[in-house]
Amino acid sequence: MADAEPVKILFICSQNRLRSPTGEKVFSGVAGVEARSAGTARDAVHAVQMEDIRWADMIICMEDKHARRLRADFRQAVAFKRMHVLGIPDDFKFMQPELVELLMQAVTPLLENIE
């Protein structure tokens, strides 16, 4: 297992300021995981690019609207990607303990199902 490639997770929210950077920071510290984050808004800190989609093994969207935007903008690229919607509203600050807990509870089980 030590030789296994890390799972690459792309966290997506709107502005890439609070929720998705929190996911990136939290899961970058997990063994066997590489994490990035991006936003769907044009003025996001880092707006999602095709390179991000291609890089990712798994895409974690905070809300349904983010998954819809990715499917609209990157239809073919996301067609066969593992994409999960967490349903986490834009009600949290960066690294807010409640947000970290929600992310841990939602994402950790997804990692257990990786081949």
PDB file of N, CA and C in Angstrom:
ATOM      1  N   MET A   1       0.819  -1.196   0.000  1.00  0.00           N
ATOM      2  CA  MET A   1       0.000   0.000   0.000  1.00  0.00           C
ATOM      3  C   MET A   1       0.865   1.263   0.000  1.00  0.00           C
ATOM      4  N   ALA A   2       2.071   1.170   0.507  1.00  0.00           N
ATOM      5  CA  ALA A   2       2.948   2.336   0.565  1.00  0.00           C
ATOM      6  C   ALA A   2       3.292   2.843  -0.834  1.00  0.00           C
ATOM      7  N   ASP A   3       3.250   1.959  -1.830  1.00  0.00           N
ATOM      8  CA  ASP A   3       3.570   2.341  -3.194  1.00  0.00           C
ATOM      9  C   ASP A   3       2.362   2.848  -3.961  1.00  0.00           C
ATOM     10  N   ALA A   4       1.202   2.813  -3.356  1.00  0.00           N
ATOM     11  CA  ALA A   4      -0.020   3.236  -4.035  1.00  0.00           C
ATOM     12  C   ALA A   4       0.026   4.728  -4.347  1.00  0.00           C
ATOM     13  N   GLU A   5      -0.518   5.073  -5.497  1.00  0.00           N
ATOM     14  CA  GLU A   5      -0.632   6.486  -5.874  1.00  0.00           C
ATOM     15  C   GLU A   5      -1.630   7.156  -4.943  1.00  0.00           C
ATOM     16  N   PRO A   6      -1.369   8.374  -4.553  1.00  0.00           N
ATOM     17  CA  PRO A   6      -2.338   9.083  -3.710  1.00  0.00           C
ATOM     18  C   PRO A   6      -3.610   9.376  -4.501  1.00  0.00           C
ATOM     19  N   VAL A   7      -4.729   9.409  -3.801  1.00  0.00           N
ATOM     20  CA  VAL A   7      -5.978   9.823  -4.433  1.00  0.00           C
ATOM     21  C   VAL A   7      -5.971  11.348  -4.514  1.00  0.00           C
ATOM     22  N   LYS A   8      -6.330  11.859  -5.682  1.00  0.00           N
ATOM     23  CA  LYS A   8      -6.302  13.303  -5.932  1.00  0.00           C
ATOM     24  C   LYS A   8      -7.728  13.832  -5.848  1.00  0.00           C
ATOM     25  N   ILE A   9      -7.966  14.675  -4.839  1.00  0.00           N
ATOM     26  CA  ILE A   9      -9.300  15.218  -4.599  1.00  0.00           C
ATOM     27  C   ILE A   9      -9.320  16.702  -4.932  1.00  0.00           C
ATOM     28  N   LEU A  10     -10.313  17.086  -5.734  1.00  0.00           N
ATOM     29  CA  LEU A  10     -10.534  18.489  -6.077  1.00  0.00           C
ATOM     30  C   LEU A  10     -11.788  18.958  -5.353  1.00  0.00           C
ATOM     31  N   PHE A  11     -11.633  19.922  -4.457  1.00  0.00           N
ATOM     32  CA  PHE A  11     -12.757  20.503  -3.724  1.00  0.00           C
ATOM     33  C   PHE A  11     -13.246  21.734  -4.478  1.00  0.00           C
ATOM     34  N   ILE A  12     -14.569  21.830  -4.641  1.00  0.00           N
ATOM     35  CA  ILE A  12     -15.167  22.911  -5.415  1.00  0.00           C
ATOM     36  C   ILE A  12     -16.217  23.650  -4.595  1.00  0.00           C
ATOM     37  N   CYS A  13     -16.118  24.977  -4.595  1.00  0.00           N
ATOM     38  CA  CYS A  13     -17.190  25.829  -4.074  1.00  0.00           C
ATOM     39  C   CYS A  13     -17.338  26.985  -5.066  1.00  0.00           C
ATOM     40  N   SER A  14     -17.931  28.077  -4.661  1.00  0.00           N
ATOM     41  CA  SER A  14     -18.154  29.186  -5.600  1.00  0.00           C
ATOM     42  C   SER A  14     -16.923  30.074  -5.759  1.00  0.00           C
ATOM     43  N   GLN A  15     -16.481  30.666  -4.673  1.00  0.00           N
ATOM     44  CA  GLN A  15     -15.428  31.680  -4.727  1.00  0.00           C
ATOM     45  C   GLN A  15     -14.024  31.152  -4.423  1.00  0.00           C
ATOM     46  N   ASN A  16     -13.913  29.916  -3.968  1.00  0.00           N
ATOM     47  CA  ASN A  16     -12.630  29.333  -3.576  1.00  0.00           C
ATOM     48  C   ASN A  16     -11.963  30.185  -2.493  1.00  0.00           C
ATOM     49  N   ARG A  17     -12.778  30.630  -1.531  1.00  0.00           N
ATOM     50  CA  ARG A  17     -12.260  31.442  -0.430  1.00  0.00           C
ATOM     51  C   ARG A  17     -12.421  30.770   0.928  1.00  0.00           C
ATOM     52  N   LEU A  18     -13.489  29.990   1.112  1.00  0.00           N
ATOM     53  CA  LEU A  18     -13.793  29.478   2.446  1.00  0.00           C
ATOM     54  C   LEU A  18     -13.932  27.955   2.477  1.00  0.00           C
ATOM     55  N   ARG A  19     -14.965  27.436   1.847  1.00  0.00           N
ATOM     56  CA  ARG A  19     -15.252  26.001   1.966  1.00  0.00           C
ATOM     57  C   ARG A  19     -14.245  25.115   1.250  1.00  0.00           C
ATOM     58  N   SER A  20     -14.038  25.340  -0.041  1.00  0.00           N
ATOM     59  CA  SER A  20     -13.120  24.448  -0.761  1.00  0.00           C
ATOM     60  C   SER A  20     -11.668  24.588  -0.295  1.00  0.00           C
ATOM     61  N   PRO A  21     -11.171  25.794   0.033  1.00  0.00           N
ATOM     62  CA  PRO A  21      -9.813  25.853   0.592  1.00  0.00           C
ATOM     63  C   PRO A  21      -9.706  25.144   1.946  1.00  0.00           C
ATOM     64  N   THR A  22     -10.792  25.137   2.717  1.00  0.00           N
ATOM     65  CA  THR A  22     -10.786  24.385   3.976  1.00  0.00           C
ATOM     66  C   THR A  22     -10.643  22.901   3.677  1.00  0.00           C
ATOM     67  N   GLY A  23     -11.410  22.402   2.713  1.00  0.00           N
ATOM     68  CA  GLY A  23     -11.281  20.991   2.320  1.00  0.00           C
ATOM     69  C   GLY A  23      -9.875  20.660   1.858  1.00  0.00           C
ATOM     70  N   GLU A  24      -9.305  21.534   1.055  1.00  0.00           N
ATOM     71  CA  GLU A  24      -7.941  21.324   0.568  1.00  0.00           C
ATOM     72  C   GLU A  24      -6.957  21.260   1.728  1.00  0.00           C
ATOM     73  N   LYS A  25      -7.050  22.204   2.649  1.00  0.00           N
ATOM     74  CA  LYS A  25      -6.115  22.245   3.772  1.00  0.00           C
ATOM     75  C   LYS A  25      -6.259  21.022   4.677  1.00  0.00           C
ATOM     76  N   VAL A  26      -7.491  20.663   5.000  1.00  0.00           N
ATOM     77  CA  VAL A  26      -7.745  19.526   5.899  1.00  0.00           C
ATOM     78  C   VAL A  26      -7.244  18.227   5.275  1.00  0.00           C
ATOM     79  N   PHE A  27      -7.582  18.004   4.014  1.00  0.00           N
ATOM     80  CA  PHE A  27      -7.257  16.704   3.419  1.00  0.00           C
ATOM     81  C   PHE A  27      -5.859  16.636   2.823  1.00  0.00           C
ATOM     82  N   SER A  28      -5.184  17.761   2.681  1.00  0.00           N
ATOM     83  CA  SER A  28      -3.775  17.729   2.281  1.00  0.00           C
ATOM     84  C   SER A  28      -2.925  17.082   3.362  1.00  0.00           C
ATOM     85  N   GLY A  29      -3.419  17.096   4.595  1.00  0.00           N
ATOM     86  CA  GLY A  29      -2.696  16.493   5.711  1.00  0.00           C
ATOM     87  C   GLY A  29      -2.998  15.027   5.923  1.00  0.00           C
ATOM     88  N   VAL A  30      -3.818  14.439   5.052  1.00  0.00           N
ATOM     89  CA  VAL A  30      -4.197  13.032   5.194  1.00  0.00           C
ATOM     90  C   VAL A  30      -3.279  12.167   4.335  1.00  0.00           C
ATOM     91  N   ALA A  31      -2.720  11.130   4.926  1.00  0.00           N
ATOM     92  CA  ALA A  31      -1.829  10.228   4.192  1.00  0.00           C
ATOM     93  C   ALA A  31      -2.573   9.610   3.011  1.00  0.00           C
ATOM     94  N   GLY A  32      -1.903   9.568   1.868  1.00  0.00           N
ATOM     95  CA  GLY A  32      -2.489   8.954   0.686  1.00  0.00           C
ATOM     96  C   GLY A  32      -3.447   9.861  -0.077  1.00  0.00           C
ATOM     97  N   VAL A  33      -3.459  11.143   0.271  1.00  0.00           N
ATOM     98  CA  VAL A  33      -4.362  12.093  -0.386  1.00  0.00           C
ATOM     99  C   VAL A  33      -3.564  13.305  -0.865  1.00  0.00           C
ATOM    100  N   GLU A  34      -3.848  13.748  -2.073  1.00  0.00           N
ATOM    101  CA  GLU A  34      -3.411  15.046  -2.562  1.00  0.00           C
ATOM    102  C   GLU A  34      -4.684  15.844  -2.764  1.00  0.00           C
ATOM    103  N   ALA A  35      -4.679  17.103  -2.392  1.00  0.00           N
ATOM    104  CA  ALA A  35      -5.890  17.908  -2.496  1.00  0.00           C
ATOM    105  C   ALA A  35      -5.611  19.247  -3.150  1.00  0.00           C
ATOM    106  N   ARG A  36      -6.596  19.705  -3.905  1.00  0.00           N
ATOM    107  CA  ARG A  36      -6.601  21.033  -4.511  1.00  0.00           C
ATOM    108  C   ARG A  36      -7.992  21.601  -4.312  1.00  0.00           C
ATOM    109  N   SER A  37      -8.123  22.902  -4.560  1.00  0.00           N
ATOM    110  CA  SER A  37      -9.447  23.512  -4.509  1.00  0.00           C
ATOM    111  C   SER A  37      -9.581  24.541  -5.620  1.00  0.00           C
ATOM    112  N   ALA A  38     -10.837  24.797  -5.972  1.00  0.00           N
ATOM    113  CA  ALA A  38     -11.139  25.777  -7.009  1.00  0.00           C
ATOM    114  C   ALA A  38     -12.571  26.246  -6.827  1.00  0.00           C
ATOM    115  N   GLY A  39     -12.899  27.324  -7.529  1.00  0.00           N
ATOM    116  CA  GLY A  39     -14.242  27.866  -7.475  1.00  0.00           C
ATOM    117  C   GLY A  39     -14.878  27.907  -8.851  1.00  0.00           C
ATOM    118  N   THR A  40     -16.209  27.907  -8.873  1.00  0.00           N
ATOM    119  CA  THR A  40     -16.929  27.947 -10.137  1.00  0.00           C
ATOM    120  C   THR A  40     -17.168  29.365 -10.635  1.00  0.00           C
ATOM    121  N   ALA A  41     -17.041  30.356  -9.779  1.00  0.00           N
ATOM    122  CA  ALA A  41     -17.269  31.746 -10.183  1.00  0.00           C
ATOM    123  C   ALA A  41     -16.085  32.265 -10.998  1.00  0.00           C
ATOM    124  N   ARG A  42     -16.378  33.125 -11.946  1.00  0.00           N
ATOM    125  CA  ARG A  42     -15.312  33.685 -12.781  1.00  0.00           C
ATOM    126  C   ARG A  42     -14.305  34.485 -11.958  1.00  0.00           C
ATOM    127  N   ASP A  43     -14.764  35.095 -10.865  1.00  0.00           N
ATOM    128  CA  ASP A  43     -13.873  35.897 -10.031  1.00  0.00           C
ATOM    129  C   ASP A  43     -13.373  35.134  -8.801  1.00  0.00           C
ATOM    130  N   ALA A  44     -13.425  33.815  -8.849  1.00  0.00           N
ATOM    131  CA  ALA A  44     -12.921  32.988  -7.749  1.00  0.00           C
ATOM    132  C   ALA A  44     -11.425  33.213  -7.569  1.00  0.00           C
ATOM    133  N   VAL A  45     -10.938  32.980  -6.357  1.00  0.00           N
ATOM    134  CA  VAL A  45      -9.501  33.073  -6.101  1.00  0.00           C
ATOM    135  C   VAL A  45      -8.750  32.207  -7.112  1.00  0.00           C
ATOM    136  N   HIS A  46      -9.192  30.978  -7.283  1.00  0.00           N
ATOM    137  CA  HIS A  46      -8.695  30.105  -8.352  1.00  0.00           C
ATOM    138  C   HIS A  46      -9.924  29.522  -9.031  1.00  0.00           C
ATOM    139  N   ALA A  47     -10.237  30.026 -10.218  1.00  0.00           N
ATOM    140  CA  ALA A  47     -11.375  29.503 -10.978  1.00  0.00           C
ATOM    141  C   ALA A  47     -10.988  28.139 -11.556  1.00  0.00           C
ATOM    142  N   VAL A  48     -11.914  27.199 -11.450  1.00  0.00           N
ATOM    143  CA  VAL A  48     -11.637  25.842 -11.911  1.00  0.00           C
ATOM    144  C   VAL A  48     -11.267  25.848 -13.395  1.00  0.00           C
ATOM    145  N   GLN A  49     -10.242  25.083 -13.716  1.00  0.00           N
ATOM    146  CA  GLN A  49      -9.712  24.979 -15.074  1.00  0.00           C
ATOM    147  C   GLN A  49      -9.765  23.512 -15.519  1.00  0.00           C
ATOM    148  N   MET A  50      -9.668  23.306 -16.807  1.00  0.00           N
ATOM    149  CA  MET A  50      -9.640  21.946 -17.344  1.00  0.00           C
ATOM    150  C   MET A  50      -8.500  21.142 -16.719  1.00  0.00           C
ATOM    151  N   GLU A  51      -7.373  21.778 -16.488  1.00  0.00           N
ATOM    152  CA  GLU A  51      -6.223  21.098 -15.867  1.00  0.00           C
ATOM    153  C   GLU A  51      -6.596  20.517 -14.498  1.00  0.00           C
ATOM    154  N   ASP A  52      -7.395  21.267 -13.725  1.00  0.00           N
ATOM    155  CA  ASP A  52      -7.834  20.779 -12.408  1.00  0.00           C
ATOM    156  C   ASP A  52      -8.703  19.537 -12.553  1.00  0.00           C
ATOM    157  N   ILE A  53      -9.622  19.583 -13.499  1.00  0.00           N
ATOM    158  CA  ILE A  53     -10.539  18.455 -13.724  1.00  0.00           C
ATOM    159  C   ILE A  53      -9.749  17.218 -14.138  1.00  0.00           C
ATOM    160  N   ARG A  54      -8.841  17.391 -15.072  1.00  0.00           N
ATOM    161  CA  ARG A  54      -8.034  16.250 -15.545  1.00  0.00           C
ATOM    162  C   ARG A  54      -7.181  15.671 -14.425  1.00  0.00           C
ATOM    163  N   TRP A  55      -6.673  16.537 -13.567  1.00  0.00           N
ATOM    164  CA  TRP A  55      -5.804  16.107 -12.457  1.00  0.00           C
ATOM    165  C   TRP A  55      -6.555  15.235 -11.457  1.00  0.00           C
ATOM    166  N   ALA A  56      -7.808  15.542 -11.198  1.00  0.00           N
ATOM    167  CA  ALA A  56      -8.566  14.946 -10.093  1.00  0.00           C
ATOM    168  C   ALA A  56      -9.005  13.510 -10.357  1.00  0.00           C
ATOM    169  N   ASP A  57      -8.911  12.701  -9.302  1.00  0.00           N
ATOM    170  CA  ASP A  57      -9.533  11.375  -9.303  1.00  0.00           C
ATOM    171  C   ASP A  57     -10.968  11.482  -8.807  1.00  0.00           C
ATOM    172  N   MET A  58     -11.188  12.425  -7.906  1.00  0.00           N
ATOM    173  CA  MET A  58     -12.486  12.618  -7.275  1.00  0.00           C
ATOM    174  C   MET A  58     -12.743  14.110  -7.147  1.00  0.00           C
ATOM    175  N   ILE A  59     -13.974  14.512  -7.433  1.00  0.00           N
ATOM    176  CA  ILE A  59     -14.362  15.911  -7.310  1.00  0.00           C
ATOM    177  C   ILE A  59     -15.425  16.012  -6.228  1.00  0.00           C
ATOM    178  N   ILE A  60     -15.164  16.872  -5.247  1.00  0.00           N
ATOM    179  CA  ILE A  60     -16.088  17.083  -4.127  1.00  0.00           C
ATOM    180  C   ILE A  60     -16.672  18.486  -4.254  1.00  0.00           C
ATOM    181  N   CYS A  61     -17.968  18.557  -4.530  1.00  0.00           N
ATOM    182  CA  CYS A  61     -18.667  19.837  -4.665  1.00  0.00           C
ATOM    183  C   CYS A  61     -19.407  20.143  -3.371  1.00  0.00           C
ATOM    184  N   MET A  62     -19.373  21.395  -2.971  1.00  0.00           N
ATOM    185  CA  MET A  62     -20.064  21.790  -1.745  1.00  0.00           C
ATOM    186  C   MET A  62     -21.575  21.820  -1.933  1.00  0.00           C
ATOM    187  N   GLU A  63     -22.060  22.223  -3.120  1.00  0.00           N
ATOM    188  CA  GLU A  63     -23.496  22.331  -3.374  1.00  0.00           C
ATOM    189  C   GLU A  63     -23.825  21.799  -4.769  1.00  0.00           C
ATOM    190  N   ASP A  64     -25.105  21.480  -4.984  1.00  0.00           N
ATOM    191  CA  ASP A  64     -25.569  20.992  -6.286  1.00  0.00           C
ATOM    192  C   ASP A  64     -25.222  21.959  -7.410  1.00  0.00           C
ATOM    193  N   LYS A  65     -25.324  23.270  -7.143  1.00  0.00           N
ATOM    194  CA  LYS A  65     -25.055  24.247  -8.200  1.00  0.00           C
ATOM    195  C   LYS A  65     -23.621  24.152  -8.720  1.00  0.00           C
ATOM    196  N   HIS A  66     -22.701  23.720  -7.874  1.00  0.00           N
ATOM    197  CA  HIS A  66     -21.312  23.576  -8.310  1.00  0.00           C
ATOM    198  C   HIS A  66     -21.167  22.386  -9.253  1.00  0.00           C
ATOM    199  N   ALA A  67     -21.829  21.283  -8.930  1.00  0.00           N
ATOM    200  CA  ALA A  67     -21.798  20.109  -9.804  1.00  0.00           C
ATOM    201  C   ALA A  67     -22.464  20.425 -11.144  1.00  0.00           C
ATOM    202  N   ARG A  68     -23.582  21.152 -11.093  1.00  0.00           N
ATOM    203  CA  ARG A  68     -24.259  21.537 -12.343  1.00  0.00           C
ATOM    204  C   ARG A  68     -23.348  22.410 -13.204  1.00  0.00           C
ATOM    205  N   ARG A  69     -22.639  23.344 -12.583  1.00  0.00           N
ATOM    206  CA  ARG A  69     -21.739  24.231 -13.324  1.00  0.00           C
ATOM    207  C   ARG A  69     -20.611  23.425 -13.963  1.00  0.00           C
ATOM    208  N   LEU A  70     -20.039  22.476 -13.223  1.00  0.00           N
ATOM    209  CA  LEU A  70     -18.965  21.650 -13.791  1.00  0.00           C
ATOM    210  C   LEU A  70     -19.476  20.821 -14.969  1.00  0.00           C
ATOM    211  N   ARG A  71     -20.686  20.260 -14.833  1.00  0.00           N
ATOM    212  CA  ARG A  71     -21.251  19.463 -15.923  1.00  0.00           C
ATOM    213  C   ARG A  71     -21.541  20.337 -17.148  1.00  0.00           C
ATOM    214  N   ALA A  72     -21.918  21.581 -16.927  1.00  0.00           N
ATOM    215  CA  ALA A  72     -22.186  22.489 -18.042  1.00  0.00           C
ATOM    216  C   ALA A  72     -20.888  22.931 -18.719  1.00  0.00           C
ATOM    217  N   ASP A  73     -19.882  23.256 -17.932  1.00  0.00           N
ATOM    218  CA  ASP A  73     -18.641  23.816 -18.477  1.00  0.00           C
ATOM    219  C   ASP A  73     -17.627  22.765 -18.920  1.00  0.00           C
ATOM    220  N   PHE A  74     -17.666  21.586 -18.293  1.00  0.00           N
ATOM    221  CA  PHE A  74     -16.651  20.548 -18.556  1.00  0.00           C
ATOM    222  C   PHE A  74     -17.317  19.191 -18.803  1.00  0.00           C
ATOM    223  N   ARG A  75     -18.389  19.191 -19.576  1.00  0.00           N
ATOM    224  CA  ARG A  75     -19.239  18.006 -19.757  1.00  0.00           C
ATOM    225  C   ARG A  75     -18.457  16.714 -19.990  1.00  0.00           C
ATOM    226  N   GLN A  76     -17.637  16.680 -21.008  1.00  0.00           N
ATOM    227  CA  GLN A  76     -16.917  15.447 -21.323  1.00  0.00           C
ATOM    228  C   GLN A  76     -15.871  15.106 -20.273  1.00  0.00           C
ATOM    229  N   ALA A  77     -15.196  16.109 -19.757  1.00  0.00           N
ATOM    230  CA  ALA A  77     -14.119  15.868 -18.796  1.00  0.00           C
ATOM    231  C   ALA A  77     -14.629  15.298 -17.482  1.00  0.00           C
ATOM    232  N   VAL A  78     -15.835  15.677 -17.068  1.00  0.00           N
ATOM    233  CA  VAL A  78     -16.366  15.173 -15.792  1.00  0.00           C
ATOM    234  C   VAL A  78     -17.266  13.948 -15.957  1.00  0.00           C
ATOM    235  N   ALA A  79     -17.536  13.562 -17.192  1.00  0.00           N
ATOM    236  CA  ALA A  79     -18.493  12.475 -17.443  1.00  0.00           C
ATOM    237  C   ALA A  79     -18.157  11.193 -16.691  1.00  0.00           C
ATOM    238  N   PHE A  80     -16.890  10.878 -16.567  1.00  0.00           N
ATOM    239  CA  PHE A  80     -16.500   9.626 -15.918  1.00  0.00           C
ATOM    240  C   PHE A  80     -15.702   9.846 -14.637  1.00  0.00           C
ATOM    241  N   LYS A  81     -15.790  11.046 -14.090  1.00  0.00           N
ATOM    242  CA  LYS A  81     -15.121  11.349 -12.819  1.00  0.00           C
ATOM    243  C   LYS A  81     -16.058  11.010 -11.664  1.00  0.00           C
ATOM    244  N   ARG A  82     -15.480  10.579 -10.554  1.00  0.00           N
ATOM    245  CA  ARG A  82     -16.270  10.423  -9.321  1.00  0.00           C
ATOM    246  C   ARG A  82     -16.561  11.821  -8.812  1.00  0.00           C
ATOM    247  N   MET A  83     -17.847  12.177  -8.770  1.00  0.00           N
ATOM    248  CA  MET A  83     -18.226  13.496  -8.288  1.00  0.00           C
ATOM    249  C   MET A  83     -19.264  13.315  -7.174  1.00  0.00           C
ATOM    250  N   HIS A  84     -19.024  14.013  -6.073  1.00  0.00           N
ATOM    251  CA  HIS A  84     -19.922  13.941  -4.917  1.00  0.00           C
ATOM    252  C   HIS A  84     -20.318  15.349  -4.510  1.00  0.00           C
ATOM    253  N   VAL A  85     -21.577  15.496  -4.130  1.00  0.00           N
ATOM    254  CA  VAL A  85     -22.091  16.772  -3.632  1.00  0.00           C
ATOM    255  C   VAL A  85     -22.348  16.618  -2.143  1.00  0.00           C
ATOM    256  N   LEU A  86     -21.757  17.498  -1.340  1.00  0.00           N
ATOM    257  CA  LEU A  86     -21.873  17.384   0.112  1.00  0.00           C
ATOM    258  C   LEU A  86     -23.066  18.127   0.694  1.00  0.00           C
ATOM    259  N   GLY A  87     -23.596  19.098  -0.002  1.00  0.00           N
ATOM    260  CA  GLY A  87     -24.715  19.872   0.530  1.00  0.00           C
ATOM    261  C   GLY A  87     -24.323  20.785   1.680  1.00  0.00           C
ATOM    262  N   ILE A  88     -23.129  21.343   1.604  1.00  0.00           N
ATOM    263  CA  ILE A  88     -22.642  22.258   2.649  1.00  0.00           C
ATOM    264  C   ILE A  88     -22.863  23.693   2.173  1.00  0.00           C
ATOM    265  N   PRO A  89     -23.762  24.426   2.841  1.00  0.00           N
ATOM    266  CA  PRO A  89     -24.060  25.800   2.411  1.00  0.00           C
ATOM    267  C   PRO A  89     -22.916  26.766   2.714  1.00  0.00           C
ATOM    268  N   ASP A  90     -23.000  27.926   2.118  1.00  0.00           N
ATOM    269  CA  ASP A  90     -21.967  28.950   2.276  1.00  0.00           C
ATOM    270  C   ASP A  90     -22.199  29.730   3.576  1.00  0.00           C
ATOM    271  N   ASP A  91     -22.147  29.023   4.681  1.00  0.00           N
ATOM    272  CA  ASP A  91     -22.427  29.603   6.004  1.00  0.00           C
ATOM    273  C   ASP A  91     -21.230  29.530   6.944  1.00  0.00           C
ATOM    274  N   PHE A  92     -20.047  29.227   6.424  1.00  0.00           N
ATOM    275  CA  PHE A  92     -18.897  28.954   7.281  1.00  0.00           C
ATOM    276  C   PHE A  92     -17.715  29.840   6.917  1.00  0.00           C
ATOM    277  N   LYS A  93     -16.854  30.024   7.901  1.00  0.00           N
ATOM    278  CA  LYS A  93     -15.590  30.717   7.702  1.00  0.00           C
ATOM    279  C   LYS A  93     -14.509  29.679   7.375  1.00  0.00           C
ATOM    280  N   PHE A  94     -13.389  30.152   6.831  1.00  0.00           N
ATOM    281  CA  PHE A  94     -12.261  29.285   6.533  1.00  0.00           C
ATOM    282  C   PHE A  94     -11.801  28.581   7.811  1.00  0.00           C
ATOM    283  N   MET A  95     -11.691  27.279   7.746  1.00  0.00           N
ATOM    284  CA  MET A  95     -11.218  26.419   8.840  1.00  0.00           C
ATOM    285  C   MET A  95     -12.094  26.492  10.094  1.00  0.00           C
ATOM    286  N   GLN A  96     -13.329  26.935   9.952  1.00  0.00           N
ATOM    287  CA  GLN A  96     -14.253  26.932  11.092  1.00  0.00           C
ATOM    288  C   GLN A  96     -14.419  25.488  11.557  1.00  0.00           C
ATOM    289  N   PRO A  97     -14.288  25.241  12.865  1.00  0.00           N
ATOM    290  CA  PRO A  97     -14.327  23.859  13.366  1.00  0.00           C
ATOM    291  C   PRO A  97     -15.554  23.063  12.913  1.00  0.00           C
ATOM    292  N   GLU A  98     -16.711  23.696  12.835  1.00  0.00           N
ATOM    293  CA  GLU A  98     -17.911  22.985  12.391  1.00  0.00           C
ATOM    294  C   GLU A  98     -17.798  22.567  10.924  1.00  0.00           C
ATOM    295  N   LEU A  99     -17.179  23.407  10.112  1.00  0.00           N
ATOM    296  CA  LEU A  99     -16.960  23.071   8.701  1.00  0.00           C
ATOM    297  C   LEU A  99     -15.967  21.923   8.581  1.00  0.00           C
ATOM    298  N   VAL A 100     -14.892  21.986   9.335  1.00  0.00           N
ATOM    299  CA  VAL A 100     -13.896  20.909   9.315  1.00  0.00           C
ATOM    300  C   VAL A 100     -14.560  19.590   9.699  1.00  0.00           C
ATOM    301  N   GLU A 101     -15.386  19.609  10.724  1.00  0.00           N
ATOM    302  CA  GLU A 101     -16.076  18.390  11.169  1.00  0.00           C
ATOM    303  C   GLU A 101     -17.012  17.862  10.086  1.00  0.00           C
ATOM    304  N   LEU A 102     -17.786  18.741   9.460  1.00  0.00           N
ATOM    305  CA  LEU A 102     -18.680  18.310   8.376  1.00  0.00           C
ATOM    306  C   LEU A 102     -17.895  17.670   7.237  1.00  0.00           C
ATOM    307  N   LEU A 103     -16.795  18.293   6.862  1.00  0.00           N
ATOM    308  CA  LEU A 103     -15.970  17.751   5.782  1.00  0.00           C
ATOM    309  C   LEU A 103     -15.389  16.387   6.152  1.00  0.00           C
ATOM    310  N   MET A 104     -14.882  16.274   7.361  1.00  0.00           N
ATOM    311  CA  MET A 104     -14.317  14.989   7.805  1.00  0.00           C
ATOM    312  C   MET A 104     -15.375  13.890   7.779  1.00  0.00           C
ATOM    313  N   GLN A 105     -16.556  14.188   8.292  1.00  0.00           N
ATOM    314  CA  GLN A 105     -17.634  13.200   8.339  1.00  0.00           C
ATOM    315  C   GLN A 105     -18.093  12.786   6.946  1.00  0.00           C
ATOM    316  N   ALA A 106     -18.123  13.735   6.011  1.00  0.00           N
ATOM    317  CA  ALA A 106     -18.634  13.442   4.669  1.00  0.00           C
ATOM    318  C   ALA A 106     -17.598  12.818   3.749  1.00  0.00           C
ATOM    319  N   VAL A 107     -16.359  13.271   3.831  1.00  0.00           N
ATOM    320  CA  VAL A 107     -15.346  12.848   2.855  1.00  0.00           C
ATOM    321  C   VAL A 107     -14.606  11.582   3.278  1.00  0.00           C
ATOM    322  N   THR A 108     -14.366  11.414   4.562  1.00  0.00           N
ATOM    323  CA  THR A 108     -13.611  10.238   5.022  1.00  0.00           C
ATOM    324  C   THR A 108     -14.224   8.915   4.543  1.00  0.00           C
ATOM    325  N   PRO A 109     -15.547   8.726   4.631  1.00  0.00           N
ATOM    326  CA  PRO A 109     -16.108   7.467   4.111  1.00  0.00           C
ATOM    327  C   PRO A 109     -15.906   7.287   2.608  1.00  0.00           C
ATOM    328  N   LEU A 110     -15.840   8.361   1.862  1.00  0.00           N
ATOM    329  CA  LEU A 110     -15.606   8.266   0.421  1.00  0.00           C
ATOM    330  C   LEU A 110     -14.207   7.734   0.133  1.00  0.00           C
ATOM    331  N   LEU A 111     -13.267   8.068   0.988  1.00  0.00           N
ATOM    332  CA  LEU A 111     -11.888   7.603   0.811  1.00  0.00           C
ATOM    333  C   LEU A 111     -11.765   6.109   1.068  1.00  0.00           C
ATOM    334  N   GLU A 112     -12.612   5.587   1.923  1.00  0.00           N
ATOM    335  CA  GLU A 112     -12.569   4.163   2.242  1.00  0.00           C
ATOM    336  C   GLU A 112     -13.035   3.309   1.064  1.00  0.00           C
ATOM    337  N   ASN A 113     -13.766   3.910   0.132  1.00  0.00           N
ATOM    338  CA  ASN A 113     -14.303   3.182  -1.007  1.00  0.00           C
ATOM    339  C   ASN A 113     -13.461   3.331  -2.268  1.00  0.00           C
ATOM    340  N   ILE A 114     -12.285   3.912  -2.124  1.00  0.00           N
ATOM    341  CA  ILE A 114     -11.391   4.084  -3.280  1.00  0.00           C
ATOM    342  C   ILE A 114     -10.688   2.756  -3.547  1.00  0.00           C
ATOM    343  N   GLU A 115     -10.606   2.420  -4.813  1.00  0.00           N
ATOM    344  CA  GLU A 115      -9.940   1.155  -5.190  1.00  0.00           C
ATOM    345  C   GLU A 115      -8.448   1.284  -5.076  1.00  0.00           C
TER     346      GLU A 115
END
